[in-house]
Each structure stands twice: as structure tokens, then as C-alpha cells.
C-alpha atoms as a PDB file:
ATOM      1  CA  MET A   1      56.057  50.013   5.430  1.00  0.00           C
ATOM      2  CA  ASP A   2      53.281  52.500   4.651  1.00  0.00           C
ATOM      3  CA  LEU A   3      54.738  53.024   1.176  1.00  0.00           C
ATOM      4  CA  GLU A   4      54.518  49.297   0.454  1.00  0.00           C
ATOM      5  CA  LYS A   5      50.962  49.159   1.771  1.00  0.00           C
ATOM      6  CA  LYS A   6      49.904  52.133  -0.434  1.00  0.00           C
ATOM      7  CA  LYS A   7      51.616  50.578  -3.429  1.00  0.00           C
ATOM      8  CA  PHE A   8      49.846  47.295  -2.789  1.00  0.00           C
ATOM      9  CA  GLN A   9      46.487  49.094  -2.423  1.00  0.00           C
ATOM     10  CA  LYS A  10      47.046  50.921  -5.702  1.00  0.00           C
ATOM     11  CA  MET A  11      48.038  47.751  -7.580  1.00  0.00           C
ATOM     12  CA  PHE A  12      45.346  45.486  -6.081  1.00  0.00           C
ATOM     13  CA  PRO A  13      42.531  47.663  -4.695  1.00  0.00           C
ATOM     14  CA  ASN A  14      39.919  44.882  -4.386  1.00  0.00           C
ATOM     15  CA  LEU A  15      42.306  42.429  -2.772  1.00  0.00           C
ATOM     16  CA  ALA A  16      43.524  45.096  -0.360  1.00  0.00           C
ATOM     17  CA  GLN A  17      39.942  45.821   0.572  1.00  0.00           C
ATOM     18  CA  GLU A  18      39.211  42.137   1.220  1.00  0.00           C
ATOM     19  CA  ILE A  19      42.301  41.726   3.369  1.00  0.00           C
ATOM     20  CA  THR A  20      41.521  44.757   5.501  1.00  0.00           C
ATOM     21  CA  LYS A  21      37.790  43.969   5.983  1.00  0.00           C
ATOM     22  CA  GLU A  22      36.972  42.947   9.527  1.00  0.00           C
ATOM     23  CA  ASN A  23      34.775  40.010   8.541  1.00  0.00           C
ATOM     24  CA  GLY A  24      36.693  39.247   5.382  1.00  0.00           C
ATOM     25  CA  GLY A  25      38.460  36.041   4.605  1.00  0.00           C
ATOM     26  CA  THR A  26      37.944  32.571   3.291  1.00  0.00           C
ATOM     27  CA  LYS A  27      37.082  29.540   5.349  1.00  0.00           C
ATOM     28  CA  ILE A  28      39.746  26.851   4.978  1.00  0.00           C
ATOM     29  CA  ASN A  29      38.673  23.381   6.068  1.00  0.00           C
ATOM     30  CA  ALA A  30      41.987  21.669   5.564  1.00  0.00           C
ATOM     31  CA  VAL A  31      45.401  21.978   4.016  1.00  0.00           C
ATOM     32  CA  ARG A  32      46.842  19.196   1.918  1.00  0.00           C
ATOM     33  CA  SER A  33      50.309  19.095   0.408  1.00  0.00           C
ATOM     34  CA  ASP A  34      49.525  16.121  -1.884  1.00  0.00           C
ATOM     35  CA  ALA A  35      47.524  17.313  -4.922  1.00  0.00           C
ATOM     36  CA  SER A  36      45.942  13.943  -5.709  1.00  0.00           C
ATOM     37  CA  THR A  37      44.610  13.567  -2.174  1.00  0.00           C
ATOM     38  CA  ALA A  38      43.226  17.086  -2.309  1.00  0.00           C
ATOM     39  CA  GLU A  39      41.474  16.467  -5.611  1.00  0.00           C
ATOM     40  CA  GLN A  40      39.744  13.373  -4.166  1.00  0.00           C
ATOM     41  CA  ALA A  41      38.524  15.368  -1.149  1.00  0.00           C
ATOM     42  CA  VAL A  42      36.854  18.321  -2.941  1.00  0.00           C
ATOM     43  CA  ALA A  43      33.229  18.575  -4.043  1.00  0.00           C
ATOM     44  CA  LYS A  44      32.027  15.347  -2.481  1.00  0.00           C
ATOM     45  CA  LYS A  45      28.547  16.749  -1.964  1.00  0.00           C
ATOM     46  CA  PHE A  46      27.696  16.659  -5.681  1.00  0.00           C
ATOM     47  CA  ILE A  47      29.695  13.627  -6.790  1.00  0.00           C
ATOM     48  CA  SER A  48      27.454  11.458  -8.984  1.00  0.00           C
ATOM     49  CA  TYR A  49      24.733  14.143  -8.832  1.00  0.00           C
ATOM     50  CA  ASN A  50      22.792  14.240 -12.103  1.00  0.00           C
ATOM     51  CA  PRO A  51      20.681  17.417 -12.556  1.00  0.00           C
ATOM     52  CA  ASP A  52      17.050  16.810 -13.403  1.00  0.00           C
ATOM     53  CA  ALA A  53      14.600  18.870 -15.483  1.00  0.00           C
ATOM     54  CA  ILE A  54      13.774  21.173 -12.604  1.00  0.00           C
ATOM     55  CA  ASP A  55      17.470  21.982 -12.052  1.00  0.00           C
ATOM     56  CA  PHE A  56      17.708  23.108 -15.695  1.00  0.00           C
ATOM     57  CA  LEU A  57      14.435  25.082 -15.543  1.00  0.00           C
ATOM     58  CA  ARG A  58      15.654  26.920 -12.436  1.00  0.00           C
ATOM     59  CA  ARG A  59      18.471  28.410 -14.540  1.00  0.00           C
ATOM     60  CA  CYS A  60      16.002  30.062 -16.924  1.00  0.00           C
ATOM     61  CA  ASP A  61      15.165  33.734 -16.855  1.00  0.00           C
ATOM     62  CA  LYS A  62      12.134  33.607 -19.164  1.00  0.00           C
ATOM     63  CA  ALA A  63       9.267  31.239 -19.962  1.00  0.00           C
ATOM     64  CA  GLU A  64      10.559  30.922 -23.543  1.00  0.00           C
ATOM     65  CA  GLN A  65      13.844  29.519 -22.281  1.00  0.00           C
ATOM     66  CA  ALA A  66      12.021  27.073 -20.044  1.00  0.00           C
ATOM     67  CA  GLU A  67       9.886  25.892 -22.951  1.00  0.00           C
ATOM     68  CA  GLU A  68      13.056  25.253 -24.989  1.00  0.00           C
ATOM     69  CA  ILE A  69      14.456  23.152 -22.120  1.00  0.00           C
ATOM     70  CA  ILE A  70      11.287  21.124 -21.858  1.00  0.00           C
ATOM     71  CA  CYS A  71      11.210  20.515 -25.627  1.00  0.00           C
ATOM     72  CA  TYR A  72      14.888  19.509 -25.662  1.00  0.00           C
ATOM     73  CA  LEU A  73      14.555  17.077 -22.794  1.00  0.00           C
ATOM     74  CA  GLU A  74      11.404  15.582 -24.237  1.00  0.00           C
ATOM     75  CA  LYS A  75      12.982  15.227 -27.703  1.00  0.00           C
ATOM     76  CA  ARG A  76      15.977  13.413 -26.167  1.00  0.00           C
ATOM     77  CA  GLN A  77      13.541  11.225 -24.201  1.00  0.00           C
ATOM     78  CA  GLU A  78      15.052  12.343 -20.907  1.00  0.00           C
ATOM     79  CA  ILE A  79      11.555  13.193 -19.717  1.00  0.00           C
ATOM     80  CA  SER A  80       8.259  11.541 -20.692  1.00  0.00           C
ATOM     81  CA  PRO A  81       5.638  13.319 -22.801  1.00  0.00           C
ATOM     82  CA  GLU A  82       3.333  13.200 -19.744  1.00  0.00           C
ATOM     83  CA  TYR A  83       5.899  14.855 -17.525  1.00  0.00           C
ATOM     84  CA  ALA A  84       6.662  17.452 -20.236  1.00  0.00           C
ATOM     85  CA  LYS A  85       2.939  18.274 -20.409  1.00  0.00           C
ATOM     86  CA  LYS A  86       2.794  18.701 -16.643  1.00  0.00           C
ATOM     87  CA  LEU A  87       5.831  21.015 -16.683  1.00  0.00           C
ATOM     88  CA  ARG A  88       4.347  23.106 -19.534  1.00  0.00           C
ATOM     89  CA  LYS A  89       1.057  23.457 -17.609  1.00  0.00           C
ATOM     90  CA  GLN A  90       2.896  24.588 -14.498  1.00  0.00           C
ATOM     91  CA  LEU A  91       5.017  26.999 -16.549  1.00  0.00           C
ATOM     92  CA  LYS A  92       1.940  28.494 -18.220  1.00  0.00           C
ATOM     93  CA  THR A  93      -0.186  28.798 -15.058  1.00  0.00           C
ATOM     94  CA  LYS A  94       2.417  29.659 -12.417  1.00  0.00           C
ATOM     95  CA  GLY A  95       5.441  30.933 -14.314  1.00  0.00           C
ATOM     96  CA  VAL A  96       9.127  30.010 -14.480  1.00  0.00           C
ATOM     97  CA  ARG A  97       9.850  30.860 -10.808  1.00  0.00           C
ATOM     98  CA  SER A  98       7.292  28.251  -9.685  1.00  0.00           C
ATOM     99  CA  PHE A  99      10.049  25.641 -10.191  1.00  0.00           C
ATOM    100  CA  GLY A 100      12.180  27.346  -7.541  1.00  0.00           C
ATOM    101  CA  ALA A 101      14.575  30.226  -7.096  1.00  0.00           C
ATOM    102  CA  LYS A 102      16.906  30.960  -9.922  1.00  0.00           C
ATOM    103  CA  LYS A 103      20.141  28.985  -9.837  1.00  0.00           C
ATOM    104  CA  GLU A 104      22.890  31.454 -10.603  1.00  0.00           C
ATOM    105  CA  ASP A 105      26.340  30.747 -12.034  1.00  0.00           C
ATOM    106  CA  ASP A 106      28.559  28.644  -9.742  1.00  0.00           C
ATOM    107  CA  TYR A 107      25.481  27.513  -7.794  1.00  0.00           C
ATOM    108  CA  TYR A 108      26.952  24.123  -6.979  1.00  0.00           C
ATOM    109  CA  LEU A 109      30.296  25.549  -5.951  1.00  0.00           C
ATOM    110  CA  LYS A 110      28.574  27.950  -3.573  1.00  0.00           C
ATOM    111  CA  GLN A 111      26.494  25.112  -2.102  1.00  0.00           C
ATOM    112  CA  ASP A 112      29.410  22.810  -1.471  1.00  0.00           C
ATOM    113  CA  ASP A 113      30.937  23.304   1.979  1.00  0.00           C
ATOM    114  CA  SER A 114      34.302  21.791   0.965  1.00  0.00           C
ATOM    115  CA  PHE A 115      35.348  24.896  -0.958  1.00  0.00           C
END
């Protein structure tokens, strides 16, 4: 048994560490054997959610990136020139983080309790 455990740890060191951690594990809300039912149940929190300008700006690291987002949304008429002006003023005076904390990769997956 110890030989198998050592072999497993050697082949999959990160997985072995996760399995043996005291507080490790993944929360499972439900188990479904029918794939179509499972697909309908996941990610309900953000169904029909349409990100707005602030959501996009919160993904930026630099003011230059935020300015590009504002120009793009204004050009596509997804935001009004007045709103674009307001966003630019906030960006210039308060900085890119004034729109909120940075949204990292997989932000919405991490926010959704169904995963």
C-alpha cells in the first residue's frame, strides 16, 4: 500500500497534496447522472448577465487599457459620450482602481456558488 501511495505522490504531487490536506476538498452541492439536467442547473447566478463598462474597466491593469475600453465602448455606442466623459474624468483623477477591485480570470466562476 505504501508503495502505491509513494508512486501516486511521485506521479501527481499536487493532487496528492490536495487529497492529504486537512481542509482540502471541493464542495459538491449535488450529483446528477443526467448531463442535460446538470447543464441546466449550473451557473444560474449569471444567466442573462450582461457586463457593463465598469465590469470591463475592472479587468484593466493600467489607465491606458481603461482608456482603450472607454473609446471602444463609446465608438460602438454602447455608452454615451457623456458617460464616457464621466468615466475618463474618474480615471484621470482617481485612477483605474477607483472603478473597483481587479476582476481576475475566472471571476464569475469563482463567484458562482453552483460550482
